[in-house]
Amino acid sequence: MYEFGEILTLAICVVAAVYVLTNRRRIGQLHSLRPFVFPFLLALVGWIATVVEGLPQGGPGMPTLVFWTSSPGVVAAGGSFGEVFNALEHVCLAASGVWLLVVLWRGRGAVQEGSP
């Protein structure tokens, strides 16, 4: 089951992803921003997995997708569809956090852009 905050986070991230993808050239010119694109995309995948994980159970005011939990593929997988997306969510968000940590650690002594 998912909450409104998860849907809102995903919506904000999708809007930001559209902005990043439509402004690839400008972002590519700002070398200090480029290392942050990949962890952002990892977080996007994690937030998508969060919402997809909750789809079979529905949510407040949302219908339950009965066909999802009773589909032959999910039953053959032991009904662990939600657990797979939960694991994907946590792996992506953890990898995003570690990537950001490394980028920030490596850049702590860097010279600012535009400085002489």
C-alpha atoms as a PDB file:
ATOM      1  CA  MET A   1       0.000   0.000   0.000  1.00  0.00           C
ATOM      2  CA  TYR A   2       1.329   3.445  -0.798  1.00  0.00           C
ATOM      3  CA  GLU A   3       0.712   6.859   0.614  1.00  0.00           C
ATOM      4  CA  PHE A   4       0.094  10.250  -0.928  1.00  0.00           C
ATOM      5  CA  GLY A   5       3.648  11.332  -0.077  1.00  0.00           C
ATOM      6  CA  GLU A   6       5.105   8.561  -2.240  1.00  0.00           C
ATOM      7  CA  ILE A   7       2.987   9.605  -5.212  1.00  0.00           C
ATOM      8  CA  LEU A   8       3.893  13.271  -4.663  1.00  0.00           C
ATOM      9  CA  THR A   9       7.612  12.467  -4.424  1.00  0.00           C
ATOM     10  CA  LEU A  10       7.420  10.486  -7.653  1.00  0.00           C
ATOM     11  CA  ALA A  11       5.537  13.298  -9.415  1.00  0.00           C
ATOM     12  CA  ILE A  12       8.105  15.899  -8.349  1.00  0.00           C
ATOM     13  CA  CYS A  13      10.933  13.613  -9.439  1.00  0.00           C
ATOM     14  CA  VAL A  14       9.321  12.964 -12.831  1.00  0.00           C
ATOM     15  CA  VAL A  15       8.955  16.715 -13.422  1.00  0.00           C
ATOM     16  CA  ALA A  16      12.603  17.196 -12.468  1.00  0.00           C
ATOM     17  CA  ALA A  17      13.634  14.284 -14.727  1.00  0.00           C
ATOM     18  CA  VAL A  18      11.794  15.842 -17.675  1.00  0.00           C
ATOM     19  CA  TYR A  19      13.642  19.096 -16.991  1.00  0.00           C
ATOM     20  CA  VAL A  20      16.995  17.301 -16.790  1.00  0.00           C
ATOM     21  CA  LEU A  21      16.345  15.385 -20.011  1.00  0.00           C
ATOM     22  CA  THR A  22      15.150  18.432 -21.937  1.00  0.00           C
ATOM     23  CA  ASN A  23      18.160  20.478 -20.782  1.00  0.00           C
ATOM     24  CA  ARG A  24      20.856  17.834 -21.215  1.00  0.00           C
ATOM     25  CA  ARG A  25      23.098  20.135 -23.223  1.00  0.00           C
ATOM     26  CA  ARG A  26      23.062  22.935 -20.626  1.00  0.00           C
ATOM     27  CA  ILE A  27      23.587  20.526 -17.755  1.00  0.00           C
ATOM     28  CA  GLY A  28      26.421  18.876 -19.691  1.00  0.00           C
ATOM     29  CA  GLN A  29      28.175  22.239 -19.903  1.00  0.00           C
ATOM     30  CA  LEU A  30      28.045  22.651 -16.132  1.00  0.00           C
ATOM     31  CA  HIS A  31      30.662  20.086 -15.224  1.00  0.00           C
ATOM     32  CA  SER A  32      29.915  20.384 -11.524  1.00  0.00           C
ATOM     33  CA  LEU A  33      26.318  19.152 -12.067  1.00  0.00           C
ATOM     34  CA  ARG A  34      27.101  16.156 -14.268  1.00  0.00           C
ATOM     35  CA  PRO A  35      28.083  13.800 -11.413  1.00  0.00           C
ATOM     36  CA  PHE A  36      24.656  14.338  -9.823  1.00  0.00           C
ATOM     37  CA  VAL A  37      22.602  13.145 -12.812  1.00  0.00           C
ATOM     38  CA  PHE A  38      23.223   9.404 -12.348  1.00  0.00           C
ATOM     39  CA  PRO A  39      22.324   9.300  -8.628  1.00  0.00           C
ATOM     40  CA  PHE A  40      19.218  11.317  -9.446  1.00  0.00           C
ATOM     41  CA  LEU A  41      18.197   8.740 -12.043  1.00  0.00           C
ATOM     42  CA  LEU A  42      18.879   5.937  -9.535  1.00  0.00           C
ATOM     43  CA  ALA A  43      16.606   7.689  -7.044  1.00  0.00           C
ATOM     44  CA  LEU A  44      13.956   8.037  -9.759  1.00  0.00           C
ATOM     45  CA  VAL A  45      14.029   4.280 -10.361  1.00  0.00           C
ATOM     46  CA  GLY A  46      13.766   3.732  -6.598  1.00  0.00           C
ATOM     47  CA  TRP A  47      10.737   6.030  -6.318  1.00  0.00           C
ATOM     48  CA  ILE A  48       9.064   4.345  -9.290  1.00  0.00           C
ATOM     49  CA  ALA A  49       9.649   0.968  -7.621  1.00  0.00           C
ATOM     50  CA  THR A  50       8.077   2.321  -4.422  1.00  0.00           C
ATOM     51  CA  VAL A  51       4.858   3.200  -6.206  1.00  0.00           C
ATOM     52  CA  VAL A  52       4.786   0.035  -8.340  1.00  0.00           C
ATOM     53  CA  GLU A  53       5.339  -2.048  -5.206  1.00  0.00           C
ATOM     54  CA  GLY A  54       2.119  -0.666  -3.710  1.00  0.00           C
ATOM     55  CA  LEU A  55      -0.050  -1.139  -6.789  1.00  0.00           C
ATOM     56  CA  PRO A  56      -1.392  -4.619  -5.934  1.00  0.00           C
ATOM     57  CA  GLN A  57      -2.726  -3.466  -2.563  1.00  0.00           C
ATOM     58  CA  GLY A  58      -4.154  -0.160  -3.769  1.00  0.00           C
ATOM     59  CA  GLY A  59      -4.338   2.784  -1.424  1.00  0.00           C
ATOM     60  CA  PRO A  60      -6.705   5.350   0.042  1.00  0.00           C
ATOM     61  CA  GLY A  61      -9.241   6.000  -2.699  1.00  0.00           C
ATOM     62  CA  MET A  62      -7.314   3.809  -5.134  1.00  0.00           C
ATOM     63  CA  PRO A  63      -8.555   0.493  -6.534  1.00  0.00           C
ATOM     64  CA  THR A  64      -6.776  -2.782  -5.861  1.00  0.00           C
ATOM     65  CA  LEU A  65      -5.251  -4.405  -8.919  1.00  0.00           C
ATOM     66  CA  VAL A  66      -6.526  -7.931  -8.309  1.00  0.00           C
ATOM     67  CA  PHE A  67      -5.255  -9.228 -11.658  1.00  0.00           C
ATOM     68  CA  TRP A  68      -1.728  -8.275 -10.622  1.00  0.00           C
ATOM     69  CA  THR A  69      -1.575 -10.517  -7.546  1.00  0.00           C
ATOM     70  CA  SER A  70      -3.452 -13.377  -9.201  1.00  0.00           C
ATOM     71  CA  SER A  71      -1.528 -13.371 -12.483  1.00  0.00           C
ATOM     72  CA  PRO A  72       0.259 -16.640 -13.350  1.00  0.00           C
ATOM     73  CA  GLY A  73       3.650 -14.931 -13.434  1.00  0.00           C
ATOM     74  CA  VAL A  74       3.285 -13.535  -9.933  1.00  0.00           C
ATOM     75  CA  VAL A  75       1.874 -16.801  -8.574  1.00  0.00           C
ATOM     76  CA  ALA A  76       4.751 -18.745 -10.189  1.00  0.00           C
ATOM     77  CA  ALA A  77       7.192 -16.357  -8.509  1.00  0.00           C
ATOM     78  CA  GLY A  78       5.631 -17.225  -5.162  1.00  0.00           C
ATOM     79  CA  GLY A  79       3.735 -13.940  -4.945  1.00  0.00           C
ATOM     80  CA  SER A  80       6.975 -12.113  -4.199  1.00  0.00           C
ATOM     81  CA  PHE A  81       6.374  -9.384  -6.759  1.00  0.00           C
ATOM     82  CA  GLY A  82       6.089  -6.688  -4.105  1.00  0.00           C
ATOM     83  CA  GLU A  83       9.246  -7.885  -2.372  1.00  0.00           C
ATOM     84  CA  VAL A  84      11.225  -7.635  -5.611  1.00  0.00           C
ATOM     85  CA  PHE A  85      10.162  -4.017  -6.099  1.00  0.00           C
ATOM     86  CA  ASN A  86      10.813  -3.301  -2.420  1.00  0.00           C
ATOM     87  CA  ALA A  87      14.350  -4.669  -2.785  1.00  0.00           C
ATOM     88  CA  LEU A  88      14.846  -2.681  -6.007  1.00  0.00           C
ATOM     89  CA  GLU A  89      13.666   0.469  -4.230  1.00  0.00           C
ATOM     90  CA  HIS A  90      16.111   0.038  -1.354  1.00  0.00           C
ATOM     91  CA  VAL A  91      19.051  -0.937  -3.566  1.00  0.00           C
ATOM     92  CA  CYS A  92      18.520   2.040  -5.892  1.00  0.00           C
ATOM     93  CA  LEU A  93      18.106   4.567  -3.079  1.00  0.00           C
ATOM     94  CA  ALA A  94      21.138   3.176  -1.225  1.00  0.00           C
ATOM     95  CA  ALA A  95      23.262   3.224  -4.396  1.00  0.00           C
ATOM     96  CA  SER A  96      22.123   6.781  -5.065  1.00  0.00           C
ATOM     97  CA  GLY A  97      23.114   7.823  -1.552  1.00  0.00           C
ATOM     98  CA  VAL A  98      26.518   6.148  -1.764  1.00  0.00           C
ATOM     99  CA  TRP A  99      27.133   7.705  -5.191  1.00  0.00           C
ATOM    100  CA  LEU A 100      26.278  11.159  -3.800  1.00  0.00           C
ATOM    101  CA  LEU A 101      28.539  10.567  -0.810  1.00  0.00           C
ATOM    102  CA  VAL A 102      31.456   9.692  -3.091  1.00  0.00           C
ATOM    103  CA  VAL A 103      30.807  12.677  -5.389  1.00  0.00           C
ATOM    104  CA  LEU A 104      30.605  15.086  -2.481  1.00  0.00           C
ATOM    105  CA  TRP A 105      33.641  13.567  -0.754  1.00  0.00           C
ATOM    106  CA  ARG A 106      35.750  13.804  -3.897  1.00  0.00           C
ATOM    107  CA  GLY A 107      34.576  17.353  -4.627  1.00  0.00           C
ATOM    108  CA  ARG A 108      35.140  18.797  -1.178  1.00  0.00           C
ATOM    109  CA  GLY A 109      38.492  20.283  -2.158  1.00  0.00           C
ATOM    110  CA  ALA A 110      37.608  21.195  -5.727  1.00  0.00           C
ATOM    111  CA  VAL A 111      37.893  24.713  -7.077  1.00  0.00           C
ATOM    112  CA  GLN A 112      34.562  26.425  -7.738  1.00  0.00           C
ATOM    113  CA  GLU A 113      33.424  26.860 -11.322  1.00  0.00           C
ATOM    114  CA  GLY A 114      34.215  30.289 -12.689  1.00  0.00           C
ATOM    115  CA  SER A 115      36.973  30.908 -10.148  1.00  0.00           C
ATOM    116  CA  PRO A 116      40.427  31.902 -11.413  1.00  0.00           C
END
